[in-house]
Protein backbone atom coordinates (compact mmCIF):
# COMPACT_ATOMS: atom_id res chain seq x y z
CA MET A 1 1.86 -8.44 -38.84
CA ASN A 2 3.49 -7.17 -35.63
CA THR A 3 0.20 -5.65 -34.43
CA PHE A 4 -1.62 -8.90 -35.18
CA PHE A 5 1.02 -10.90 -33.27
CA ASN A 6 0.79 -8.56 -30.24
CA ALA A 7 -3.03 -8.79 -30.21
CA LEU A 8 -2.88 -12.59 -30.55
CA THR A 9 -0.31 -12.87 -27.73
CA TYR A 10 -2.41 -10.62 -25.48
CA SER A 11 -5.55 -12.64 -26.23
CA MET A 12 -3.80 -15.92 -25.43
CA LEU A 13 -2.43 -14.48 -22.18
CA LEU A 14 -5.87 -13.19 -21.16
CA ILE A 15 -7.51 -16.54 -21.93
CA SER A 16 -4.92 -18.37 -19.82
CA VAL A 17 -5.38 -15.99 -16.83
CA LEU A 18 -9.20 -15.82 -16.82
CA PRO A 19 -9.77 -19.36 -15.47
CA LEU A 20 -7.61 -18.58 -12.40
CA ALA A 21 -9.51 -15.38 -11.61
CA ALA A 22 -12.86 -17.11 -11.99
CA GLN A 23 -11.71 -20.05 -9.88
CA ALA A 24 -11.11 -17.87 -6.80
CA GLN A 25 -14.76 -16.89 -6.62
CA THR A 26 -15.90 -20.49 -7.11
CA THR A 27 -16.70 -22.67 -4.13
CA ASP A 28 -17.73 -26.28 -3.81
CA GLN A 29 -21.18 -27.24 -2.47
CA GLN A 30 -19.99 -26.67 1.12
CA GLY A 31 -18.63 -23.18 0.33
CA ASN A 32 -14.93 -24.16 0.40
CA TYR A 33 -12.29 -22.19 -1.52
CA TYR A 34 -9.50 -24.46 -2.78
CA SER A 35 -7.56 -21.66 -4.50
CA ASN A 36 -6.50 -18.43 -2.83
CA GLU A 37 -6.18 -16.39 -6.04
CA THR A 38 -8.15 -13.13 -6.36
CA PRO A 39 -7.97 -10.31 -8.91
CA ILE A 40 -6.99 -7.79 -6.20
CA LYS A 41 -3.47 -8.02 -4.74
CA SER A 42 -1.84 -6.27 -1.83
CA ALA A 43 0.24 -3.24 -2.73
CA TYR A 44 2.36 -3.54 0.41
CA SER A 45 4.42 -6.68 -0.17
CA ARG A 46 7.22 -7.73 -2.52
CA ALA A 47 5.36 -10.94 -3.45
CA ALA A 48 1.85 -9.53 -3.47
CA GLY A 49 -0.70 -11.87 -1.96
CA SER A 50 -4.38 -11.98 -2.79
CA LEU A 51 -6.76 -9.99 -0.60
CA TRP A 52 -9.73 -11.52 1.23
CA ARG A 53 -12.26 -9.94 3.64
CA VAL A 54 -13.50 -11.44 6.92
CA ILE A 55 -17.32 -11.64 6.87
CA VAL A 56 -18.14 -13.77 9.93
CA ALA A 57 -19.90 -11.68 12.60
CA ASN A 58 -18.13 -12.92 15.73
CA GLY A 59 -14.52 -12.85 14.47
CA LEU A 60 -12.34 -15.36 12.66
CA ASN A 61 -9.67 -17.41 14.42
CA CYS A 62 -6.31 -17.76 12.73
CA ARG A 63 -4.45 -20.89 13.79
CA ARG A 64 -0.79 -21.93 13.87
CA SER A 65 -1.42 -24.69 11.31
CA ALA A 66 -4.24 -25.89 9.04
CA SER A 67 -6.24 -27.70 11.72
CA LEU A 68 -9.07 -27.01 14.18
CA GLN A 69 -6.89 -28.60 16.87
CA SER A 70 -4.06 -26.13 16.27
CA PRO A 71 -3.62 -23.24 18.75
CA ILE A 72 -5.23 -19.87 17.91
CA VAL A 73 -2.60 -17.25 17.06
CA ARG A 74 -4.96 -14.29 16.63
CA THR A 75 -8.58 -13.43 15.85
CA TYR A 76 -9.64 -11.13 13.00
CA LEU A 77 -12.71 -8.87 13.31
CA THR A 78 -15.48 -8.60 10.71
CA GLY A 79 -14.38 -6.45 7.76
CA THR A 80 -10.64 -7.06 8.25
CA LEU A 81 -8.64 -7.44 5.03
CA LEU A 82 -6.44 -10.52 4.95
CA GLU A 83 -3.39 -10.87 2.72
CA VAL A 84 -2.88 -14.50 1.73
CA GLU A 85 0.63 -15.93 1.63
CA VAL A 86 1.87 -16.91 -1.83
CA TYR A 87 4.48 -19.67 -1.87
CA ARG A 88 7.13 -19.86 -4.55
CA GLY A 89 7.77 -23.17 -6.27
CA GLY A 90 10.30 -22.92 -9.08
CA SER A 91 8.89 -20.37 -11.48
CA ASP A 92 5.29 -20.85 -10.32
CA GLU A 93 3.33 -19.29 -7.49
CA VAL A 94 1.46 -21.82 -5.38
CA LEU A 95 -2.15 -20.70 -5.08
CA VAL A 96 -3.71 -23.89 -3.74
CA ASN A 97 -4.78 -23.93 -0.09
CA PRO A 98 -3.52 -26.68 2.23
CA LEU A 99 -6.05 -29.26 3.43
CA ASP A 100 -6.60 -30.45 6.99
CA GLU A 101 -7.00 -34.09 8.08
CA ASN A 102 -10.67 -33.96 6.98
CA GLY A 103 -9.92 -32.54 3.51
CA ARG A 104 -11.07 -28.98 4.34
CA PRO A 105 -9.04 -26.12 2.82
CA TRP A 106 -7.28 -23.51 4.98
CA MET A 107 -5.80 -20.22 3.77
CA PRO A 108 -2.33 -19.11 4.91
CA VAL A 109 -2.60 -15.47 6.07
CA ARG A 110 0.37 -13.12 6.39
CA GLY A 111 1.05 -11.35 9.63
CA LYS A 112 3.40 -8.43 10.32
CA ASN A 113 6.53 -10.30 9.22
CA ILE A 114 7.39 -13.22 6.98
CA GLU A 115 7.50 -15.77 9.82
CA ASP A 116 4.11 -14.65 11.15
CA VAL A 117 1.78 -16.82 9.03
CA CYS A 118 -1.38 -18.39 10.45
CA TYR A 119 -4.31 -20.24 8.85
CA VAL A 120 -8.02 -19.45 8.51
CA ARG A 121 -10.73 -21.75 7.18
CA ALA A 122 -11.11 -21.11 3.45
CA ASN A 123 -14.90 -21.09 3.41
CA SER A 124 -17.52 -18.60 2.17
CA ARG A 125 -19.15 -18.53 5.64
CA TYR A 126 -16.02 -16.80 6.99
CA ILE A 127 -14.24 -14.96 4.15
CA GLN A 128 -14.89 -13.54 0.69
CA PRO A 129 -12.46 -12.53 -2.06
CA VAL A 130 -11.87 -8.83 -2.59
CA ILE A 131 -12.81 -8.24 -6.21
CA LYS A 132 -13.15 -4.44 -6.41
């Protein structure tokens, strides 16, 4: 009975986690990512953020806030790994990207310290989730 209960609990846990992992690789018709969850997490932080890779050829601007009008804080080169900020809300991690004034999602990216967060457009033209 105990083995059956453990297997059942594990199966239920796996079923509840799978939709989140699949959601990260899913975009809308315009290529937008509304969730920042990926299967691969950073090993360097206490609250490990999901990892994403910059794929745009001419660099990716990271802005002070989730808006094209916001000042550029830094620019990431092609191939750079980005660690996405994970916000805590009660007992849940917040994995939904903030939207700009036009409803486009932006991903909060961690810098060298906790106050050093900037935002990149959460779109498949610029970034891709790290899955392996």
